[in-house]
C-alpha cells in the first residue's frame, strides 16, 4: 500500500463510527481475504501480505461490535424479494481455497458465530495441481535464498540479459496462464520440486474438507476451475470456467446452488458474458470493484480487507467515504460494454 493510501486510511479511522453504519449495495459490507496465518506461507508471501490470527480476530471483533453478520442466503433473499438487509450488515468471503480456511479461519468464525462463503478452484482441490501464481511465489523465495547461483538460470529461461534479482522477480510476477510453463522450466533447471512442496505442505483444501465445511454450515462457492485471467480468455472459455467450476462445487457439496467470485478481476468482462453466465447458473456473482453497485447483474463488489498494516476499522471507514464520494460524482455504478 502506498504512503498516500496509508495516510488516507489513518485519517479515515479518526472519524466517529456513527457516520459509517451503512455499507455498499443494500447497506452491505463485503470484505474479502485469501488466507490468515501466523506463518510465512512460501506459496503466498512473495505475492501479497495477509493478516495474522490476532489481527483477523481483532477485525472480527470490531465488525461484530458495530455491524451485523449475514449469510449468503440472507443476501440472496434480500435481492430476490427486493427487501433491504438490516442496517450495517456484512458478509465475509475468502478466495482460492487455501488450507488455512479449514485449519484456522473456519474455527474462528464458528466460535464467533460468523457465516462466510469460501470460494474454491476445483483444479487445485486435493493438492494434485499447484496454482501457477503459487509457483511464482515459491521461485521468488528460492531466488532470494540462493541469489547468486539461480540468477543466471532464471535470466536465461526468462530471456532477460544482465538482469538484477529484483528485475527477475518482477518478470516472474508478470507471468500469466499463457506462459506459465516457464515456471516449470525454471524449477526443472534449478532442481526445485513443486510436486514435493504440494505433497509436504498441502496448501489447498481437500474434497473431504470442503464437504465438511459445507456440512458445518459454511457456503462453498466457485472461483473458476484454475484461476485464469478472464481477460485472456474467449467469452466461451469464460463461461465454461464459471459454469464448470460451479458444477464441480455442487458435486462436492450436494447443493443445488453455487455462488461465484471472479478470479483476479472482473473489470474486463463484457455484459454479454455476464448475461450468458447468469443464464447458465444460479447463485450470486462477486467482483472486486470496491463496493461499487451492480445489482442489475446480481454482482456484489467486495473490498480487500487482508492488508496487515491497516485494521478493518480504517478500511471500512475509508471504503465508505470513497463510495460516498463516487456516488456524489455519479461514478459508483459498474457499467459494462
Protein backbone atom coordinates (compact mmCIF):
# COMPACT_ATOMS: atom_id res chain seq x y z
CA UNK A 1 0.00 0.00 0.00
CA UNK A 2 1.35 3.44 -0.94
CA UNK A 3 2.16 6.08 1.64
CA UNK A 4 -0.72 8.24 0.41
CA UNK A 5 -3.21 5.40 0.88
CA UNK A 6 -1.89 4.71 4.37
CA UNK A 7 -2.37 8.38 5.25
CA UNK A 8 -5.90 8.31 3.83
CA UNK A 9 -6.92 5.26 5.86
CA UNK A 10 -5.30 6.65 9.00
CA UNK A 11 -7.24 9.89 8.64
CA UNK A 12 -10.46 7.98 7.91
CA UNK A 13 -10.07 5.89 11.05
CA UNK A 14 -10.22 9.01 13.24
CA UNK A 15 -13.82 9.79 12.26
CA UNK A 16 -16.65 8.56 14.54
CA UNK A 17 -18.13 5.14 13.76
CA UNK A 18 -21.66 6.58 13.86
CA UNK A 19 -21.03 8.02 10.39
CA UNK A 20 -20.30 4.61 8.91
CA UNK A 21 -23.16 2.23 9.69
CA UNK A 22 -24.19 1.88 6.04
CA UNK A 23 -22.16 -0.17 3.58
CA UNK A 24 -22.38 -0.74 -0.15
CA UNK A 25 -25.34 -2.08 -2.14
CA UNK A 26 -28.34 -2.65 0.16
CA UNK A 27 -26.21 -1.43 3.09
CA UNK A 28 -23.91 -4.46 2.85
CA UNK A 29 -20.19 -4.51 3.61
CA UNK A 30 -18.26 -7.13 1.65
CA UNK A 31 -14.69 -7.59 2.95
CA UNK A 32 -12.67 -10.40 1.37
CA UNK A 33 -9.50 -12.31 2.27
CA UNK A 34 -7.42 -15.12 0.84
CA UNK A 35 -5.88 -16.57 3.97
CA UNK A 36 -4.99 -15.93 7.61
CA UNK A 37 -1.83 -17.30 9.23
CA UNK A 38 0.93 -16.61 11.73
CA UNK A 39 3.33 -18.43 9.41
CA UNK A 40 5.25 -17.19 6.40
CA UNK A 41 3.49 -19.23 3.73
CA UNK A 42 6.06 -19.58 0.96
CA UNK A 43 3.47 -20.16 -1.77
CA UNK A 44 1.80 -16.80 -0.96
CA UNK A 45 4.11 -14.47 0.98
CA UNK A 46 6.04 -13.20 -2.05
CA UNK A 47 2.81 -12.27 -3.86
CA UNK A 48 0.83 -10.33 -1.25
CA UNK A 49 0.67 -9.84 2.53
CA UNK A 50 -2.06 -11.26 4.77
CA UNK A 51 -3.19 -10.85 8.36
CA UNK A 52 -2.11 -12.98 11.27
CA UNK A 53 -4.58 -14.72 13.59
CA UNK A 54 -4.70 -11.93 16.19
CA UNK A 55 -5.21 -9.22 13.57
CA UNK A 56 -8.01 -11.21 11.93
CA UNK A 57 -9.67 -11.92 15.27
CA UNK A 58 -9.47 -8.25 16.26
CA UNK A 59 -11.03 -7.25 12.93
CA UNK A 60 -13.91 -9.65 13.52
CA UNK A 61 -14.47 -8.23 17.00
CA UNK A 62 -14.75 -4.74 15.53
CA UNK A 63 -17.20 -5.86 12.85
CA UNK A 64 -19.33 -7.74 15.38
CA UNK A 65 -19.41 -4.73 17.70
CA UNK A 66 -20.74 -2.30 15.11
CA UNK A 67 -22.16 -4.43 12.27
CA UNK A 68 -24.38 -7.48 11.80
CA UNK A 69 -23.10 -10.67 10.09
CA UNK A 70 -25.37 -12.08 7.39
CA UNK A 71 -25.22 -15.23 5.27
CA UNK A 72 -25.28 -15.71 1.52
CA UNK A 73 -28.88 -16.92 1.89
CA UNK A 74 -29.80 -13.65 3.64
CA UNK A 75 -28.28 -11.66 0.78
CA UNK A 76 -29.96 -13.78 -1.92
CA UNK A 77 -33.33 -13.37 -0.21
CA UNK A 78 -32.83 -9.63 0.13
CA UNK A 79 -32.13 -9.29 -3.59
CA UNK A 80 -34.89 -11.62 -4.81
CA UNK A 81 -37.52 -10.05 -2.56
CA UNK A 82 -36.13 -6.53 -3.03
CA UNK A 83 -36.04 -6.01 0.72
CA UNK A 84 -33.21 -4.23 2.48
CA UNK A 85 -30.87 -6.10 4.77
CA UNK A 86 -30.54 -4.95 8.39
CA UNK A 87 -28.61 -1.68 8.65
CA UNK A 88 -24.89 -2.25 8.88
CA UNK A 89 -24.74 -5.82 7.55
CA UNK A 90 -21.57 -7.59 6.45
CA UNK A 91 -20.76 -10.81 4.60
CA UNK A 92 -17.27 -12.33 4.71
CA UNK A 93 -15.79 -14.13 1.71
CA UNK A 94 -12.48 -15.97 1.18
CA UNK A 95 -10.91 -16.78 -2.19
CA UNK A 96 -8.68 -19.58 -3.53
CA UNK A 97 -9.47 -22.42 -1.10
CA UNK A 98 -6.24 -22.42 0.89
CA UNK A 99 -5.84 -24.94 3.71
CA UNK A 100 -5.92 -22.25 6.40
CA UNK A 101 -9.64 -21.88 5.67
CA UNK A 102 -10.16 -25.26 7.33
CA UNK A 103 -7.38 -25.18 9.91
CA UNK A 104 -7.62 -21.58 11.14
CA UNK A 105 -10.37 -19.43 9.66
CA UNK A 106 -13.45 -21.66 9.98
CA UNK A 107 -12.86 -22.46 13.70
CA UNK A 108 -12.52 -18.74 14.49
CA UNK A 109 -15.69 -17.91 12.56
CA UNK A 110 -17.62 -20.71 14.27
CA UNK A 111 -16.50 -19.53 17.69
CA UNK A 112 -17.71 -16.00 16.95
CA UNK A 113 -20.86 -17.04 15.09
CA UNK A 114 -19.94 -15.51 11.73
CA UNK A 115 -21.09 -17.09 8.43
CA UNK A 116 -18.93 -16.92 5.31
CA UNK A 117 -18.51 -18.04 1.72
CA UNK A 118 -15.35 -19.95 0.81
CA UNK A 119 -14.63 -19.74 -2.92
CA UNK A 120 -12.54 -22.59 -4.34
CA UNK A 121 -10.82 -23.54 -7.60
CA UNK A 122 -11.69 -27.22 -8.22
CA UNK A 123 -8.47 -27.89 -10.16
CA UNK A 124 -6.42 -27.24 -7.01
CA UNK A 125 -8.59 -29.09 -4.51
CA UNK A 126 -6.79 -32.23 -3.33
CA UNK A 127 -3.30 -30.79 -3.94
CA UNK A 128 -2.62 -32.56 -7.22
CA UNK A 129 -2.05 -29.32 -9.14
CA UNK A 130 -0.27 -26.18 -7.93
CA UNK A 131 -1.65 -22.78 -8.94
CA UNK A 132 0.93 -21.08 -11.17
CA UNK A 133 0.85 -17.93 -9.04
CA UNK A 134 1.92 -20.04 -6.06
CA UNK A 135 4.79 -21.33 -8.20
CA UNK A 136 5.82 -17.72 -8.79
CA UNK A 137 5.97 -17.07 -5.04
CA UNK A 138 8.00 -20.22 -4.43
CA UNK A 139 10.52 -19.38 -7.15
CA UNK A 140 10.89 -15.83 -5.84
CA UNK A 141 11.62 -17.29 -2.42
CA UNK A 142 14.22 -19.62 -3.91
CA UNK A 143 15.86 -16.71 -5.73
CA UNK A 144 16.04 -14.65 -2.54
CA UNK A 145 17.65 -17.52 -0.65
CA UNK A 146 20.06 -18.54 -3.43
CA UNK A 147 20.54 -15.35 -5.42
CA UNK A 148 23.96 -15.94 -6.93
CA UNK A 149 23.58 -19.44 -8.39
CA UNK A 150 19.96 -19.01 -9.52
CA UNK A 151 20.00 -15.56 -11.16
CA UNK A 152 21.72 -16.76 -14.33
CA UNK A 153 19.32 -19.69 -14.80
CA UNK A 154 16.25 -17.52 -14.21
CA UNK A 155 17.55 -14.90 -16.66
CA UNK A 156 18.23 -17.48 -19.37
CA UNK A 157 14.78 -19.06 -19.12
CA UNK A 158 13.02 -15.69 -18.98
CA UNK A 159 15.09 -14.32 -21.84
CA UNK A 160 16.40 -11.34 -19.87
CA UNK A 161 20.04 -10.29 -20.23
CA UNK A 162 22.01 -8.67 -17.41
CA UNK A 163 19.00 -8.66 -15.08
CA UNK A 164 19.20 -7.86 -11.39
CA UNK A 165 17.45 -10.18 -8.92
CA UNK A 166 14.76 -7.53 -8.46
CA UNK A 167 14.14 -7.39 -12.22
CA UNK A 168 13.89 -11.17 -12.33
CA UNK A 169 11.34 -11.18 -9.51
CA UNK A 170 9.26 -8.54 -11.28
CA UNK A 171 9.43 -10.56 -14.50
CA UNK A 172 8.21 -13.65 -12.64
CA UNK A 173 5.24 -11.70 -11.27
CA UNK A 174 4.18 -10.78 -14.82
CA UNK A 175 3.83 -14.42 -15.89
CA UNK A 176 0.24 -15.47 -16.58
CA UNK A 177 -1.53 -18.64 -17.71
CA UNK A 178 -0.30 -18.24 -21.30
CA UNK A 179 3.39 -18.66 -20.41
CA UNK A 180 3.19 -20.41 -17.03
CA UNK A 181 5.25 -23.31 -18.42
CA UNK A 182 8.31 -21.07 -17.90
CA UNK A 183 7.91 -21.67 -14.18
CA UNK A 184 8.22 -25.43 -14.61
CA UNK A 185 11.26 -24.91 -16.84
CA UNK A 186 12.96 -22.82 -14.14
CA UNK A 187 12.08 -25.36 -11.46
CA UNK A 188 13.47 -28.23 -13.53
CA UNK A 189 16.67 -26.30 -14.30
CA UNK A 190 17.26 -25.47 -10.63
CA UNK A 191 16.20 -28.82 -9.19
CA UNK A 192 13.18 -27.44 -7.36
CA UNK A 193 10.18 -29.77 -6.99
CA UNK A 194 6.68 -28.28 -6.96
CA UNK A 195 5.33 -31.82 -6.53
CA UNK A 196 7.31 -32.26 -3.32
CA UNK A 197 6.04 -28.93 -2.00
CA UNK A 198 2.44 -29.92 -2.78
CA UNK A 199 2.70 -33.26 -1.02
CA UNK A 200 4.56 -31.88 2.00
CA UNK A 201 2.74 -28.59 2.60
CA UNK A 202 -0.75 -29.36 1.21
CA UNK A 203 -1.51 -25.68 0.54
CA UNK A 204 -5.09 -26.26 -0.63
CA UNK A 205 -8.21 -27.88 0.79
CA UNK A 206 -9.25 -31.46 0.00
CA UNK A 207 -12.65 -32.63 -1.25
CA UNK A 208 -13.37 -34.04 2.21
CA UNK A 209 -12.51 -30.76 3.94
CA UNK A 210 -14.68 -28.79 1.52
CA UNK A 211 -17.62 -31.12 2.10
CA UNK A 212 -17.10 -30.93 5.87
CA UNK A 213 -17.06 -27.13 5.81
CA UNK A 214 -20.36 -27.22 3.93
CA UNK A 215 -21.89 -29.61 6.46
CA UNK A 216 -20.81 -27.23 9.22
CA UNK A 217 -22.96 -24.50 7.67
CA UNK A 218 -20.49 -22.56 5.54
CA UNK A 219 -21.28 -21.71 1.93
CA UNK A 220 -18.88 -23.08 -0.68
CA UNK A 221 -18.63 -21.10 -3.89
CA UNK A 222 -16.63 -21.40 -7.10
CA UNK A 223 -13.74 -19.21 -8.22
CA UNK A 224 -13.18 -20.66 -11.74
CA UNK A 225 -11.54 -24.00 -12.46
CA UNK A 226 -7.88 -22.93 -12.32
CA UNK A 227 -7.82 -19.18 -11.63
CA UNK A 228 -7.01 -17.74 -15.08
CA UNK A 229 -7.10 -14.12 -16.12
CA UNK A 230 -10.53 -13.90 -17.75
CA UNK A 231 -9.38 -11.04 -20.00
CA UNK A 232 -7.06 -13.55 -21.73
CA UNK A 233 -9.92 -15.98 -22.44
CA UNK A 234 -12.63 -16.02 -25.08
CA UNK A 235 -16.22 -15.44 -23.98
CA UNK A 236 -16.90 -19.16 -24.38
CA UNK A 237 -13.92 -20.03 -22.17
CA UNK A 238 -15.00 -17.52 -19.54
CA UNK A 239 -18.48 -19.05 -19.38
CA UNK A 240 -17.03 -22.58 -19.29
CA UNK A 241 -14.63 -21.74 -16.44
CA UNK A 242 -17.51 -20.25 -14.47
CA UNK A 243 -20.23 -22.81 -15.06
CA UNK A 244 -17.99 -25.88 -14.89
CA UNK A 245 -16.38 -24.79 -11.62
CA UNK A 246 -19.85 -24.27 -10.14
CA UNK A 247 -20.90 -27.75 -11.25
CA UNK A 248 -17.79 -29.21 -9.58
CA UNK A 249 -18.60 -27.40 -6.34
CA UNK A 250 -22.21 -28.62 -6.39
CA UNK A 251 -20.96 -32.16 -6.92
CA UNK A 252 -18.76 -31.90 -3.80
CA UNK A 253 -21.35 -30.23 -1.59
CA UNK A 254 -24.56 -31.73 -2.94
CA UNK A 255 -26.07 -28.25 -3.13
CA UNK A 256 -28.36 -27.05 -5.92
CA UNK A 257 -26.94 -23.53 -5.81
CA UNK A 258 -23.43 -22.15 -6.24
CA UNK A 259 -22.21 -18.61 -5.76
CA UNK A 260 -19.23 -17.45 -7.82
CA UNK A 261 -16.41 -14.92 -7.45
CA UNK A 262 -14.38 -13.89 -10.47
CA UNK A 263 -10.64 -14.65 -10.27
CA UNK A 264 -8.13 -11.78 -10.40
CA UNK A 265 -10.58 -9.14 -11.67
CA UNK A 266 -13.99 -8.75 -13.28
CA UNK A 267 -13.27 -5.35 -14.83
CA UNK A 268 -12.71 -6.55 -18.41
CA UNK A 269 -15.67 -8.94 -18.58
CA UNK A 270 -18.34 -7.92 -21.07
CA UNK A 271 -22.06 -7.57 -20.47
CA UNK A 272 -22.65 -10.37 -22.98
CA UNK A 273 -20.50 -12.75 -20.92
CA UNK A 274 -22.20 -11.75 -17.66
CA UNK A 275 -25.61 -12.32 -19.25
CA UNK A 276 -24.53 -15.76 -20.51
CA UNK A 277 -23.22 -16.69 -17.06
CA UNK A 278 -26.43 -15.56 -15.34
CA UNK A 279 -28.48 -17.65 -17.76
CA UNK A 280 -26.31 -20.75 -17.25
CA UNK A 281 -26.02 -20.77 -13.44
CA UNK A 282 -27.90 -19.84 -10.30
CA UNK A 283 -26.44 -18.01 -7.34
CA UNK A 284 -24.79 -14.69 -6.63
CA UNK A 285 -21.80 -13.30 -8.50
CA UNK A 286 -18.98 -11.46 -6.72
CA UNK A 287 -16.45 -8.99 -8.13
CA UNK A 288 -13.77 -6.84 -6.52
CA UNK A 289 -14.60 -3.31 -7.63
CA UNK A 290 -14.58 -1.95 -4.08
CA UNK A 291 -18.23 -1.89 -3.07
CA UNK A 292 -19.48 -0.36 -6.33
CA UNK A 293 -23.07 -1.14 -7.30
CA UNK A 294 -24.05 -3.65 -9.99
CA UNK A 295 -27.28 -5.18 -8.76
CA UNK A 296 -28.72 -5.28 -12.30
CA UNK A 297 -26.33 -8.19 -12.93
CA UNK A 298 -26.65 -9.75 -9.47
CA UNK A 299 -22.98 -8.88 -8.87
CA UNK A 300 -21.75 -7.79 -5.45
CA UNK A 301 -18.41 -6.00 -5.35
CA UNK A 302 -16.04 -6.64 -2.46
CA UNK A 303 -13.04 -4.83 -1.00
CA UNK A 304 -9.67 -6.19 0.16
CA UNK A 305 -9.59 -6.50 3.95
CA UNK A 306 -6.39 -8.50 4.41
CA UNK A 307 -3.76 -5.76 4.36
CA UNK A 308 -1.93 -6.39 7.66
CA UNK A 309 -0.81 -2.79 8.08
CA UNK A 310 -4.41 -1.49 8.17
CA UNK A 311 -7.12 -2.70 10.53
CA UNK A 312 -10.69 -3.27 9.43
CA UNK A 313 -11.96 -0.10 11.12
CA UNK A 314 -9.75 2.08 8.92
CA UNK A 315 -10.52 0.02 5.82
CA UNK A 316 -14.29 0.15 6.34
CA UNK A 317 -14.34 3.88 7.04
CA UNK A 318 -12.03 4.64 4.13
CA UNK A 319 -14.05 2.48 1.76
CA UNK A 320 -17.39 4.02 2.73
CA UNK A 321 -16.02 7.55 2.33
CA UNK A 322 -14.70 6.64 -1.12
CA UNK A 323 -18.05 5.15 -2.16
CA UNK A 324 -19.95 8.23 -0.98
CA UNK A 325 -17.64 10.50 -2.96
CA UNK A 326 -18.00 8.26 -6.02
CA UNK A 327 -21.78 8.33 -5.68
CA UNK A 328 -21.79 12.14 -5.48
CA UNK A 329 -19.74 12.18 -8.69
CA UNK A 330 -22.00 9.63 -10.40
CA UNK A 331 -19.21 7.03 -10.52
CA UNK A 332 -20.41 4.40 -8.05
CA UNK A 333 -22.09 2.06 -10.55
CA UNK A 334 -20.34 -0.53 -12.73
CA UNK A 335 -21.09 -0.20 -16.44
CA UNK A 336 -20.11 -2.91 -18.92
CA UNK A 337 -19.74 -2.85 -22.69
